[in-house]
Amino acid sequence: MSKRLYVIILAAIVLAVVFVYPFVLLAGNSLINDGKVSLSQYYELLVENYPFMYHFWVSVLYAIAITAVIIVISVPAAHFFAKVEWKGRDAVFFVYIIMMMMPYQVLVVPLYRQFSDYGLGGSPLAVILPACFQPFWVFMLRQYAKSIPDSLIDSMRLETNSVFTYFRYLIIPMLGDCITALAVLSFAECWNMFEPPLIMLTRKELLPIPVVISKLLETDSGLVFSSGVIYMIPAIILFIGTRRKLEKGVEVMKW
């Protein structure tokens, strides 16, 4: 091998160690209690400290609900922007892109006042609804929906007038890998939600797991390491289970 290749391999190994080290440190410290290897941290979180697992499942419900609604909204919207000709489509999509660039910190005050005026302040809907209507997911699916041949769409329209049949047998199968990638990425984003629930929610029982872990950090609890390991498990399982489709979906959408 050439000297340049050796340098590239060495650099890749160094980067891998840098990125993996925090996870190794996290898992290792979660197994140590009073200088001894022990599972007491996990026992306390999973058995004795039952509120932690309650908030864990609250996060699961938030992530699943938001991801399901995102898919239901984004697939038709992406097809609408990609394949349906109508006046002003590009202008509306341009506004859509501008909204995608807006950080949450800019919108948080108007959203807070809006939900308060609607009587939804402090409710789960104040977290779920803004997360469901995000332009980025529509933009991501639209990039691939544009490549679906018009001949296939015309043929399907000759076969049926049912919108549900049209999407079930043509659009959804054609966008299958992209939808999987969208589901995984949106679940990961919802799973990591911190600012929206911290600002919008007032009742402790509605808080997701990232906010609960931040409270553990404030108390300098020894449970931080084990809670971090448990927190990573759903995302790791989801990635391993959908890795191939996720890679295909992301590869397709980048075009």
Foldseek 3Di string as FASTA:
>chain_A
DDPVVVVVVVVVVVVVCVVCVVVVVLVVLCQDDPRDGHNVLVCCVVPVVPLLVLLQVLLVVLLVVLLVLLLVPQLVLLLCLQPPDDPCSVVVVVVLVVQLPDDVVVCVVVLQVVCVVVVNFQHCCSVRVVLNDHSVLNLLLNLLSNVDDVVVLVVVVVVDPDPVCSCVPPRCVSLVLLSLLSSLVSSVVSLQDDVRCVPRHDDPSNHHNVPVLVVCVVVVDSSNSVSVVVSCVVSVVSCVVCVVSNVVNVVSSVD
